């Protein structure tokens, strides 16, 4: 969450699928104001983003060769997009709608 927002938790016990769902795309949220719209991320950049946002890196643990290989495999199979995130929490529904619309408009990506 954005640093200016208070953090809260709540248990979520409904609306989860009973079966695995195919991962058809990944969206990387960025605060970079130069990013406009939803833009594709190259495979090389996707590997970097996956490493940067994965458990070993976030928890400062060694990832190793297997971790790098898994990130590279995922980046080569699942398209990734960069989208500018929200500045204030009330903007979150608009961001979610943009991402959902992007997925609906680009189903074969």
N, C-alpha and C. Protein backbone atom coordinates (compact mmCIF):
# COMPACT_ATOMS: atom_id res chain seq x y z
N UNK A 1 0.84 -1.19 0.00
CA UNK A 1 0.00 0.00 0.00
C UNK A 1 0.88 1.24 0.00
N UNK A 2 0.27 2.31 -0.43
CA UNK A 2 0.99 3.57 -0.47
C UNK A 2 1.35 3.99 0.95
N UNK A 3 2.52 4.59 1.11
CA UNK A 3 3.04 4.95 2.43
C UNK A 3 2.11 5.88 3.20
N UNK A 4 1.29 6.66 2.48
CA UNK A 4 0.41 7.62 3.15
C UNK A 4 -0.88 6.98 3.67
N UNK A 5 -1.11 5.74 3.33
CA UNK A 5 -2.37 5.09 3.68
C UNK A 5 -2.21 4.21 4.93
N UNK A 6 -3.21 4.23 5.82
CA UNK A 6 -3.16 3.31 6.96
C UNK A 6 -3.34 1.87 6.47
N UNK A 7 -2.74 0.95 7.16
CA UNK A 7 -2.82 -0.45 6.77
C UNK A 7 -3.78 -1.18 7.70
N UNK A 8 -4.69 -1.94 7.11
CA UNK A 8 -5.69 -2.71 7.87
C UNK A 8 -5.74 -4.11 7.29
N UNK A 9 -6.26 -5.05 8.05
CA UNK A 9 -6.44 -6.40 7.55
C UNK A 9 -7.88 -6.84 7.78
N UNK A 10 -8.28 -7.82 6.98
CA UNK A 10 -9.60 -8.39 7.11
C UNK A 10 -9.55 -9.80 6.52
N UNK A 11 -10.22 -10.72 7.15
CA UNK A 11 -10.26 -12.09 6.64
C UNK A 11 -11.14 -12.16 5.40
N UNK A 12 -10.65 -12.86 4.38
CA UNK A 12 -11.41 -13.06 3.16
C UNK A 12 -11.69 -14.55 3.05
N UNK A 13 -12.96 -14.91 3.10
CA UNK A 13 -13.28 -16.34 3.10
C UNK A 13 -14.21 -16.73 1.95
N UNK A 14 -14.59 -15.77 1.11
CA UNK A 14 -15.45 -16.09 -0.02
C UNK A 14 -14.82 -15.54 -1.30
N UNK A 15 -15.40 -15.91 -2.42
CA UNK A 15 -15.01 -15.43 -3.75
C UNK A 15 -13.69 -16.00 -4.26
N UNK A 16 -13.20 -17.07 -3.68
CA UNK A 16 -12.02 -17.72 -4.20
C UNK A 16 -12.46 -18.92 -5.04
N UNK A 17 -11.82 -19.14 -6.19
CA UNK A 17 -12.20 -20.29 -7.02
C UNK A 17 -11.85 -21.61 -6.34
N UNK A 18 -12.66 -22.62 -6.62
CA UNK A 18 -12.42 -23.95 -6.05
C UNK A 18 -11.29 -24.69 -6.79
N UNK A 19 -11.07 -24.32 -8.05
CA UNK A 19 -10.07 -24.97 -8.88
C UNK A 19 -8.97 -23.98 -9.25
N UNK A 20 -7.80 -24.48 -9.65
CA UNK A 20 -6.74 -23.58 -10.10
C UNK A 20 -7.20 -22.72 -11.27
N UNK A 21 -6.70 -21.51 -11.35
CA UNK A 21 -7.02 -20.58 -12.42
C UNK A 21 -5.76 -20.35 -13.24
N UNK A 22 -5.89 -20.36 -14.56
CA UNK A 22 -4.75 -20.15 -15.44
C UNK A 22 -4.28 -18.70 -15.32
N UNK A 23 -3.00 -18.52 -15.13
CA UNK A 23 -2.41 -17.19 -15.07
C UNK A 23 -2.21 -16.72 -16.50
N UNK A 24 -3.00 -15.73 -16.94
CA UNK A 24 -2.95 -15.30 -18.34
C UNK A 24 -2.13 -14.04 -18.54
N UNK A 25 -1.88 -13.28 -17.49
CA UNK A 25 -1.05 -12.07 -17.57
C UNK A 25 -0.70 -11.61 -16.17
N UNK A 26 0.34 -10.80 -16.11
CA UNK A 26 0.80 -10.24 -14.84
C UNK A 26 0.88 -8.73 -15.02
N UNK A 27 0.43 -8.00 -14.03
CA UNK A 27 0.50 -6.54 -14.05
C UNK A 27 1.46 -6.07 -12.96
N UNK A 28 2.42 -5.24 -13.36
CA UNK A 28 3.37 -4.65 -12.43
C UNK A 28 2.91 -3.23 -12.16
N UNK A 29 2.67 -2.92 -10.89
CA UNK A 29 2.27 -1.56 -10.53
C UNK A 29 3.51 -0.71 -10.33
N UNK A 30 3.47 0.50 -10.88
CA UNK A 30 4.60 1.40 -10.75
C UNK A 30 4.12 2.79 -10.35
N UNK A 31 4.93 3.50 -9.61
CA UNK A 31 4.61 4.88 -9.25
C UNK A 31 5.21 5.86 -10.26
N UNK A 32 5.91 5.34 -11.26
CA UNK A 32 6.57 6.17 -12.27
C UNK A 32 5.54 6.96 -13.07
N UNK A 33 5.59 8.27 -12.94
CA UNK A 33 4.62 9.14 -13.62
C UNK A 33 4.82 9.15 -15.14
N UNK A 34 5.97 8.67 -15.61
CA UNK A 34 6.21 8.61 -17.05
C UNK A 34 5.40 7.50 -17.71
N UNK A 35 4.93 6.55 -16.93
CA UNK A 35 4.13 5.44 -17.47
C UNK A 35 2.69 5.92 -17.63
N UNK A 36 2.20 5.80 -18.86
CA UNK A 36 0.80 6.16 -19.09
C UNK A 36 0.11 4.96 -19.73
N UNK A 37 -1.08 4.71 -19.32
CA UNK A 37 -1.80 3.55 -19.83
C UNK A 37 -1.22 2.26 -19.29
N UNK A 38 -1.47 1.20 -20.03
CA UNK A 38 -0.97 -0.12 -19.69
C UNK A 38 -0.02 -0.52 -20.80
N UNK A 39 1.24 -0.73 -20.46
CA UNK A 39 2.26 -0.99 -21.48
C UNK A 39 2.89 -2.36 -21.30
N UNK A 40 3.20 -3.03 -22.41
CA UNK A 40 3.84 -4.35 -22.31
C UNK A 40 5.25 -4.24 -21.74
N UNK A 41 5.67 -5.28 -21.05
CA UNK A 41 7.01 -5.37 -20.48
C UNK A 41 7.74 -6.46 -21.25
N UNK A 42 8.98 -6.18 -21.65
CA UNK A 42 9.76 -7.18 -22.38
C UNK A 42 10.04 -8.39 -21.49
N UNK A 43 10.41 -9.50 -22.10
CA UNK A 43 10.71 -10.70 -21.33
C UNK A 43 11.85 -10.47 -20.35
N UNK A 44 12.89 -9.77 -20.79
CA UNK A 44 14.02 -9.49 -19.91
C UNK A 44 13.62 -8.64 -18.72
N UNK A 45 12.81 -7.60 -18.99
CA UNK A 45 12.32 -6.76 -17.89
C UNK A 45 11.41 -7.56 -16.97
N UNK A 46 10.62 -8.48 -17.55
CA UNK A 46 9.71 -9.30 -16.76
C UNK A 46 10.48 -10.18 -15.78
N UNK A 47 11.60 -10.73 -16.22
CA UNK A 47 12.43 -11.55 -15.33
C UNK A 47 12.89 -10.71 -14.14
N UNK A 48 13.36 -9.50 -14.43
CA UNK A 48 13.82 -8.61 -13.36
C UNK A 48 12.68 -8.29 -12.39
N UNK A 49 11.49 -7.98 -12.91
CA UNK A 49 10.34 -7.67 -12.05
C UNK A 49 9.93 -8.86 -11.21
N UNK A 50 9.96 -10.05 -11.79
CA UNK A 50 9.60 -11.25 -11.03
C UNK A 50 10.60 -11.50 -9.90
N UNK A 51 11.87 -11.32 -10.19
CA UNK A 51 12.88 -11.50 -9.15
C UNK A 51 12.70 -10.44 -8.08
N UNK A 52 12.53 -9.19 -8.50
CA UNK A 52 12.40 -8.08 -7.55
C UNK A 52 11.19 -8.25 -6.63
N UNK A 53 10.12 -8.84 -7.14
CA UNK A 53 8.88 -8.94 -6.37
C UNK A 53 8.60 -10.34 -5.84
N UNK A 54 9.61 -11.18 -5.76
CA UNK A 54 9.40 -12.54 -5.27
C UNK A 54 9.90 -12.67 -3.83
N UNK A 55 9.50 -13.77 -3.21
CA UNK A 55 9.78 -13.97 -1.79
C UNK A 55 11.26 -13.89 -1.44
N UNK A 56 12.15 -14.59 -2.15
CA UNK A 56 13.55 -14.49 -1.73
C UNK A 56 14.08 -13.05 -1.70
N UNK A 57 13.76 -12.29 -2.72
CA UNK A 57 14.25 -10.91 -2.78
C UNK A 57 13.59 -10.06 -1.71
N UNK A 58 12.29 -10.16 -1.56
CA UNK A 58 11.56 -9.35 -0.60
C UNK A 58 12.00 -9.65 0.83
N UNK A 59 12.35 -10.91 1.10
CA UNK A 59 12.75 -11.29 2.46
C UNK A 59 14.26 -11.38 2.61
N UNK A 60 14.98 -10.92 1.57
CA UNK A 60 16.45 -10.90 1.57
C UNK A 60 17.05 -12.29 1.80
N UNK A 61 16.48 -13.26 1.08
CA UNK A 61 16.99 -14.63 1.12
C UNK A 61 17.64 -14.94 -0.22
N UNK A 62 18.58 -15.87 -0.25
CA UNK A 62 19.18 -16.24 -1.53
C UNK A 62 18.16 -16.96 -2.41
N UNK A 63 18.10 -16.59 -3.66
CA UNK A 63 17.16 -17.23 -4.58
C UNK A 63 17.76 -18.43 -5.28
N UNK A 64 19.01 -18.32 -5.70
CA UNK A 64 19.69 -19.42 -6.35
C UNK A 64 19.29 -19.61 -7.80
N UNK A 65 19.91 -20.59 -8.43
CA UNK A 65 19.71 -20.86 -9.85
C UNK A 65 18.27 -21.30 -10.15
N UNK A 66 17.67 -22.10 -9.27
CA UNK A 66 16.30 -22.55 -9.51
C UNK A 66 15.33 -21.36 -9.53
N UNK A 67 15.54 -20.43 -8.64
CA UNK A 67 14.68 -19.25 -8.57
C UNK A 67 14.78 -18.46 -9.88
N UNK A 68 15.99 -18.23 -10.35
CA UNK A 68 16.20 -17.51 -11.60
C UNK A 68 15.56 -18.26 -12.76
N UNK A 69 15.73 -19.57 -12.81
CA UNK A 69 15.15 -20.38 -13.88
C UNK A 69 13.62 -20.30 -13.87
N UNK A 70 13.03 -20.39 -12.68
CA UNK A 70 11.56 -20.32 -12.60
C UNK A 70 11.05 -18.94 -13.04
N UNK A 71 11.75 -17.89 -12.64
CA UNK A 71 11.35 -16.54 -13.07
C UNK A 71 11.45 -16.40 -14.58
N UNK A 72 12.52 -16.92 -15.16
CA UNK A 72 12.71 -16.84 -16.61
C UNK A 72 11.64 -17.64 -17.35
N UNK A 73 11.31 -18.81 -16.84
CA UNK A 73 10.26 -19.63 -17.48
C UNK A 73 8.91 -18.92 -17.42
N UNK A 74 8.58 -18.36 -16.27
CA UNK A 74 7.32 -17.65 -16.12
C UNK A 74 7.27 -16.44 -17.04
N UNK A 75 8.36 -15.68 -17.09
CA UNK A 75 8.41 -14.48 -17.94
C UNK A 75 8.26 -14.82 -19.41
N UNK A 76 8.74 -15.99 -19.82
CA UNK A 76 8.63 -16.37 -21.23
C UNK A 76 7.25 -16.93 -21.58
N UNK A 77 6.47 -17.30 -20.59
CA UNK A 77 5.16 -17.92 -20.84
C UNK A 77 3.97 -17.01 -20.59
N UNK A 78 4.13 -16.05 -19.68
CA UNK A 78 2.99 -15.22 -19.28
C UNK A 78 3.31 -13.75 -19.58
N UNK A 79 2.49 -13.09 -20.40
CA UNK A 79 2.76 -11.68 -20.71
C UNK A 79 2.66 -10.81 -19.46
N UNK A 80 3.52 -9.81 -19.41
CA UNK A 80 3.53 -8.88 -18.29
C UNK A 80 3.31 -7.47 -18.81
N UNK A 81 2.60 -6.67 -18.01
CA UNK A 81 2.30 -5.29 -18.37
C UNK A 81 2.61 -4.38 -17.19
N UNK A 82 3.00 -3.16 -17.51
CA UNK A 82 3.28 -2.16 -16.47
C UNK A 82 2.12 -1.16 -16.48
N UNK A 83 1.65 -0.80 -15.29
CA UNK A 83 0.56 0.16 -15.16
C UNK A 83 0.85 1.07 -13.98
N UNK A 84 0.58 2.35 -14.19
CA UNK A 84 0.79 3.32 -13.11
C UNK A 84 -0.23 3.06 -12.02
N UNK A 85 0.23 2.99 -10.79
CA UNK A 85 -0.64 2.70 -9.66
C UNK A 85 -1.35 3.96 -9.18
N UNK A 86 -2.11 3.83 -8.15
CA UNK A 86 -2.88 4.94 -7.60
C UNK A 86 -2.05 5.74 -6.61
N UNK A 87 -2.46 7.00 -6.40
CA UNK A 87 -1.82 7.85 -5.39
C UNK A 87 -2.61 7.83 -4.09
N UNK A 88 -3.92 7.69 -4.21
CA UNK A 88 -4.78 7.67 -3.03
C UNK A 88 -5.72 6.47 -3.13
N UNK A 89 -6.06 5.93 -1.99
CA UNK A 89 -6.83 4.69 -1.92
C UNK A 89 -8.16 4.77 -2.69
N UNK A 90 -8.80 5.92 -2.71
CA UNK A 90 -10.09 6.02 -3.40
C UNK A 90 -9.94 5.83 -4.91
N UNK A 91 -8.70 5.88 -5.44
CA UNK A 91 -8.45 5.66 -6.87
C UNK A 91 -8.34 4.18 -7.23
N UNK A 92 -8.26 3.32 -6.25
CA UNK A 92 -8.07 1.89 -6.48
C UNK A 92 -9.15 1.27 -7.36
N UNK A 93 -10.45 1.55 -7.15
CA UNK A 93 -11.46 0.94 -8.03
C UNK A 93 -11.28 1.32 -9.50
N UNK A 94 -10.84 2.53 -9.78
CA UNK A 94 -10.61 2.96 -11.16
C UNK A 94 -9.45 2.16 -11.76
N UNK A 95 -8.39 1.98 -10.99
CA UNK A 95 -7.25 1.20 -11.45
C UNK A 95 -7.67 -0.24 -11.73
N UNK A 96 -8.42 -0.83 -10.82
CA UNK A 96 -8.89 -2.21 -11.00
C UNK A 96 -9.74 -2.33 -12.25
N UNK A 97 -10.59 -1.36 -12.50
CA UNK A 97 -11.44 -1.38 -13.69
C UNK A 97 -10.60 -1.29 -14.97
N UNK A 98 -9.57 -0.44 -14.97
CA UNK A 98 -8.69 -0.32 -16.14
C UNK A 98 -8.01 -1.65 -16.44
N UNK A 99 -7.53 -2.31 -15.40
CA UNK A 99 -6.85 -3.59 -15.59
C UNK A 99 -7.82 -4.65 -16.07
N UNK A 100 -9.01 -4.70 -15.49
CA UNK A 100 -10.02 -5.67 -15.93
C UNK A 100 -10.41 -5.43 -17.38
N UNK A 101 -10.60 -4.17 -17.75
CA UNK A 101 -10.97 -3.82 -19.13
C UNK A 101 -9.84 -4.23 -20.08
N UNK A 102 -8.60 -3.99 -19.68
CA UNK A 102 -7.45 -4.38 -20.50
C UNK A 102 -7.47 -5.88 -20.75
N UNK A 103 -7.73 -6.65 -19.72
CA UNK A 103 -7.80 -8.10 -19.88
C UNK A 103 -8.92 -8.52 -20.78
N UNK A 104 -10.08 -7.87 -20.67
CA UNK A 104 -11.23 -8.19 -21.52
C UNK A 104 -10.98 -7.84 -22.97
N UNK A 105 -10.27 -6.72 -23.20
CA UNK A 105 -10.00 -6.23 -24.56
C UNK A 105 -8.86 -6.99 -25.23
N UNK A 106 -8.05 -7.69 -24.45
CA UNK A 106 -6.88 -8.41 -24.97
C UNK A 106 -6.87 -9.85 -24.46
N UNK A 107 -7.93 -10.62 -24.78
CA UNK A 107 -8.04 -11.95 -24.19
C UNK A 107 -6.98 -12.94 -24.68
N UNK A 108 -6.44 -12.75 -25.87
CA UNK A 108 -5.49 -13.72 -26.41
C UNK A 108 -4.04 -13.36 -26.11
N UNK A 109 -3.82 -12.29 -25.36
CA UNK A 109 -2.46 -11.85 -25.05
C UNK A 109 -1.80 -12.89 -24.17
